[in-house]
Amino acid sequence: MIDVLYFAWVRERIGLPRERLETSAATVADLVAELMAREDRYAAAFADVSALRVALDQELASFAAPLKGVREVAFFPPMTGG
């Protein structure tokens, strides 16, 4: 099982702040593909992954990063400085 967290507009489009999933995805990109295939709201949230960042167990990672051993995946838009 893996905890998937959604922040900002990703959460708004999906309608959930978090969910616990059983997945066979090997990488973050595979997980995104699985999510997009579930429902239109996921497809809308992940339509442009270049507008997203991902953290694995609270550390920034790439969409090519492996999920083996990961307990938490978080998706969020890039942070802006200020």
N, C-alpha and C. Protein backbone atom coordinates (compact mmCIF):
# COMPACT_ATOMS: atom_id res chain seq x y z
N MET A 1 0.85 -1.19 0.00
CA MET A 1 0.00 0.00 0.00
C MET A 1 0.88 1.24 0.00
N ILE A 2 0.38 2.27 -0.66
CA ILE A 2 1.12 3.53 -0.74
C ILE A 2 0.13 4.67 -0.49
N ASP A 3 0.58 5.66 0.27
CA ASP A 3 -0.24 6.85 0.50
C ASP A 3 0.07 7.86 -0.59
N VAL A 4 -0.98 8.37 -1.23
CA VAL A 4 -0.82 9.37 -2.28
C VAL A 4 -1.49 10.65 -1.80
N LEU A 5 -0.72 11.74 -1.75
CA LEU A 5 -1.21 13.03 -1.28
C LEU A 5 -1.29 14.00 -2.45
N TYR A 6 -2.35 14.81 -2.44
CA TYR A 6 -2.56 15.80 -3.50
C TYR A 6 -2.65 17.19 -2.85
N PHE A 7 -1.97 18.16 -3.43
CA PHE A 7 -1.97 19.51 -2.89
C PHE A 7 -2.41 20.54 -3.92
N ALA A 8 -2.92 21.66 -3.42
CA ALA A 8 -3.31 22.82 -4.24
C ALA A 8 -4.31 22.42 -5.32
N TRP A 9 -4.11 22.86 -6.56
CA TRP A 9 -5.09 22.60 -7.60
C TRP A 9 -5.19 21.12 -7.98
N VAL A 10 -4.17 20.34 -7.67
CA VAL A 10 -4.25 18.90 -7.92
C VAL A 10 -5.36 18.32 -7.03
N ARG A 11 -5.35 18.70 -5.77
CA ARG A 11 -6.38 18.25 -4.83
C ARG A 11 -7.76 18.73 -5.27
N GLU A 12 -7.84 19.96 -5.73
CA GLU A 12 -9.14 20.50 -6.17
C GLU A 12 -9.69 19.72 -7.36
N ARG A 13 -8.85 19.38 -8.31
CA ARG A 13 -9.32 18.65 -9.50
C ARG A 13 -9.72 17.22 -9.17
N ILE A 14 -8.97 16.58 -8.27
CA ILE A 14 -9.28 15.20 -7.93
C ILE A 14 -10.39 15.12 -6.89
N GLY A 15 -10.43 16.10 -6.01
CA GLY A 15 -11.49 16.12 -5.00
C GLY A 15 -11.13 15.38 -3.72
N LEU A 16 -9.88 15.01 -3.59
CA LEU A 16 -9.41 14.31 -2.38
C LEU A 16 -8.07 14.89 -1.94
N PRO A 17 -7.83 15.00 -0.63
CA PRO A 17 -6.51 15.43 -0.19
C PRO A 17 -5.49 14.29 -0.18
N ARG A 18 -5.99 13.04 -0.02
CA ARG A 18 -5.09 11.89 0.05
C ARG A 18 -5.89 10.62 -0.15
N GLU A 19 -5.19 9.57 -0.53
CA GLU A 19 -5.81 8.25 -0.60
C GLU A 19 -4.73 7.19 -0.45
N ARG A 20 -5.14 6.02 -0.05
CA ARG A 20 -4.23 4.89 0.11
C ARG A 20 -4.52 3.93 -1.03
N LEU A 21 -3.47 3.58 -1.77
CA LEU A 21 -3.64 2.76 -2.97
C LEU A 21 -2.80 1.51 -2.95
N GLU A 22 -3.32 0.50 -3.60
CA GLU A 22 -2.55 -0.70 -3.93
C GLU A 22 -2.15 -0.49 -5.38
N THR A 23 -0.86 -0.56 -5.67
CA THR A 23 -0.41 -0.30 -7.04
C THR A 23 0.69 -1.27 -7.44
N SER A 24 0.75 -1.55 -8.72
CA SER A 24 1.84 -2.37 -9.26
C SER A 24 2.83 -1.48 -10.01
N ALA A 25 2.64 -0.16 -9.93
CA ALA A 25 3.50 0.79 -10.64
C ALA A 25 4.95 0.66 -10.18
N ALA A 26 5.86 0.67 -11.14
CA ALA A 26 7.29 0.59 -10.83
C ALA A 26 7.90 1.97 -10.61
N THR A 27 7.33 2.99 -11.29
CA THR A 27 7.86 4.35 -11.19
C THR A 27 6.72 5.33 -10.94
N VAL A 28 7.09 6.56 -10.63
CA VAL A 28 6.08 7.61 -10.46
C VAL A 28 5.28 7.77 -11.75
N ALA A 29 5.95 7.76 -12.89
CA ALA A 29 5.25 7.91 -14.18
C ALA A 29 4.24 6.78 -14.38
N ASP A 30 4.59 5.56 -13.98
CA ASP A 30 3.65 4.44 -14.08
C ASP A 30 2.44 4.67 -13.17
N LEU A 31 2.68 5.19 -11.99
CA LEU A 31 1.59 5.50 -11.06
C LEU A 31 0.66 6.55 -11.66
N VAL A 32 1.24 7.59 -12.25
CA VAL A 32 0.43 8.64 -12.89
C VAL A 32 -0.42 8.03 -14.00
N ALA A 33 0.16 7.14 -14.79
CA ALA A 33 -0.60 6.50 -15.87
C ALA A 33 -1.77 5.69 -15.30
N GLU A 34 -1.52 4.96 -14.21
CA GLU A 34 -2.60 4.20 -13.56
C GLU A 34 -3.70 5.14 -13.07
N LEU A 35 -3.31 6.23 -12.44
CA LEU A 35 -4.29 7.18 -11.92
C LEU A 35 -5.10 7.80 -13.05
N MET A 36 -4.43 8.21 -14.12
CA MET A 36 -5.12 8.84 -15.24
C MET A 36 -6.14 7.91 -15.87
N ALA A 37 -5.88 6.62 -15.84
CA ALA A 37 -6.79 5.64 -16.44
C ALA A 37 -8.02 5.39 -15.57
N ARG A 38 -7.98 5.83 -14.31
CA ARG A 38 -9.09 5.57 -13.39
C ARG A 38 -10.35 6.36 -13.72
N GLU A 39 -10.19 7.67 -13.82
CA GLU A 39 -11.35 8.56 -14.01
C GLU A 39 -10.89 9.85 -14.68
N ASP A 40 -11.85 10.56 -15.26
CA ASP A 40 -11.55 11.83 -15.93
C ASP A 40 -10.92 12.85 -14.99
N ARG A 41 -11.35 12.87 -13.73
CA ARG A 41 -10.80 13.88 -12.80
C ARG A 41 -9.30 13.68 -12.60
N TYR A 42 -8.84 12.43 -12.60
CA TYR A 42 -7.40 12.18 -12.49
C TYR A 42 -6.70 12.56 -13.79
N ALA A 43 -7.34 12.24 -14.91
CA ALA A 43 -6.76 12.61 -16.21
C ALA A 43 -6.59 14.12 -16.30
N ALA A 44 -7.56 14.86 -15.80
CA ALA A 44 -7.48 16.33 -15.82
C ALA A 44 -6.36 16.83 -14.91
N ALA A 45 -6.23 16.22 -13.74
CA ALA A 45 -5.22 16.67 -12.78
C ALA A 45 -3.80 16.41 -13.28
N PHE A 46 -3.62 15.31 -14.03
CA PHE A 46 -2.28 14.94 -14.47
C PHE A 46 -2.06 15.18 -15.97
N ALA A 47 -2.92 15.96 -16.59
CA ALA A 47 -2.82 16.21 -18.03
C ALA A 47 -1.49 16.84 -18.43
N ASP A 48 -0.93 17.67 -17.56
CA ASP A 48 0.34 18.35 -17.86
C ASP A 48 1.30 18.14 -16.70
N VAL A 49 2.01 17.02 -16.70
CA VAL A 49 2.90 16.74 -15.57
C VAL A 49 4.08 17.70 -15.49
N SER A 50 4.34 18.45 -16.57
CA SER A 50 5.42 19.44 -16.49
C SER A 50 5.04 20.56 -15.52
N ALA A 51 3.75 20.66 -15.19
CA ALA A 51 3.29 21.67 -14.24
C ALA A 51 3.22 21.11 -12.82
N LEU A 52 3.80 19.93 -12.62
CA LEU A 52 3.74 19.28 -11.31
C LEU A 52 5.12 18.92 -10.80
N ARG A 53 5.20 18.81 -9.50
CA ARG A 53 6.38 18.28 -8.82
C ARG A 53 5.91 17.07 -8.02
N VAL A 54 6.86 16.20 -7.70
CA VAL A 54 6.53 15.01 -6.92
C VAL A 54 7.57 14.84 -5.82
N ALA A 55 7.10 14.38 -4.66
CA ALA A 55 7.99 14.06 -3.55
C ALA A 55 7.70 12.62 -3.13
N LEU A 56 8.77 11.88 -2.91
CA LEU A 56 8.67 10.50 -2.42
C LEU A 56 9.18 10.48 -0.99
N ASP A 57 8.33 10.08 -0.08
CA ASP A 57 8.68 10.11 1.35
C ASP A 57 9.28 11.46 1.74
N GLN A 58 8.65 12.52 1.26
CA GLN A 58 8.95 13.91 1.59
C GLN A 58 10.28 14.41 1.03
N GLU A 59 10.77 13.75 -0.04
CA GLU A 59 11.96 14.25 -0.74
C GLU A 59 11.64 14.41 -2.20
N LEU A 60 12.00 15.57 -2.78
CA LEU A 60 11.73 15.81 -4.19
C LEU A 60 12.34 14.71 -5.05
N ALA A 61 11.59 14.32 -6.07
CA ALA A 61 12.03 13.24 -6.95
C ALA A 61 11.56 13.53 -8.37
N SER A 62 11.99 12.70 -9.30
CA SER A 62 11.55 12.84 -10.69
C SER A 62 10.43 11.85 -10.96
N PHE A 63 9.76 12.05 -12.07
CA PHE A 63 8.68 11.13 -12.45
C PHE A 63 9.24 9.78 -12.89
N ALA A 64 10.54 9.70 -13.14
CA ALA A 64 11.18 8.44 -13.50
C ALA A 64 11.63 7.65 -12.27
N ALA A 65 11.49 8.24 -11.09
CA ALA A 65 11.97 7.61 -9.86
C ALA A 65 11.21 6.32 -9.55
N PRO A 66 11.93 5.30 -9.06
CA PRO A 66 11.27 4.05 -8.71
C PRO A 66 10.44 4.19 -7.43
N LEU A 67 9.38 3.40 -7.34
CA LEU A 67 8.50 3.44 -6.17
C LEU A 67 8.82 2.34 -5.15
N LYS A 68 9.74 1.47 -5.47
CA LYS A 68 10.05 0.36 -4.56
C LYS A 68 10.44 0.90 -3.18
N GLY A 69 9.74 0.45 -2.16
CA GLY A 69 10.03 0.85 -0.79
C GLY A 69 9.45 2.18 -0.37
N VAL A 70 8.82 2.90 -1.30
CA VAL A 70 8.25 4.21 -1.00
C VAL A 70 6.91 4.04 -0.27
N ARG A 71 6.71 4.82 0.78
CA ARG A 71 5.46 4.77 1.54
C ARG A 71 4.51 5.90 1.19
N GLU A 72 5.07 7.04 0.73
CA GLU A 72 4.24 8.21 0.46
C GLU A 72 4.68 8.92 -0.81
N VAL A 73 3.70 9.23 -1.66
CA VAL A 73 3.94 10.02 -2.87
C VAL A 73 3.07 11.26 -2.76
N ALA A 74 3.66 12.42 -2.97
CA ALA A 74 2.92 13.68 -2.92
C ALA A 74 3.06 14.41 -4.25
N PHE A 75 1.93 14.89 -4.77
CA PHE A 75 1.92 15.66 -6.01
C PHE A 75 1.49 17.09 -5.70
N PHE A 76 2.22 18.07 -6.26
CA PHE A 76 1.93 19.47 -5.99
C PHE A 76 2.51 20.33 -7.10
N PRO A 77 1.94 21.54 -7.26
CA PRO A 77 2.53 22.46 -8.25
C PRO A 77 3.84 23.03 -7.71
N PRO A 78 4.68 23.54 -8.60
CA PRO A 78 5.95 24.13 -8.15
C PRO A 78 5.70 25.27 -7.16
N MET A 79 6.57 25.38 -6.21
CA MET A 79 6.48 26.47 -5.23
C MET A 79 7.08 27.73 -5.84
N THR A 80 6.46 28.85 -5.55
CA THR A 80 7.01 30.13 -6.02
C THR A 80 7.64 30.85 -4.85
N GLY A 81 8.69 31.57 -5.12
CA GLY A 81 9.37 32.32 -4.05
C GLY A 81 8.66 33.63 -3.76
N GLY A 82 9.07 34.24 -2.67
CA GLY A 82 8.42 35.51 -2.38
C GLY A 82 8.84 36.08 -1.08
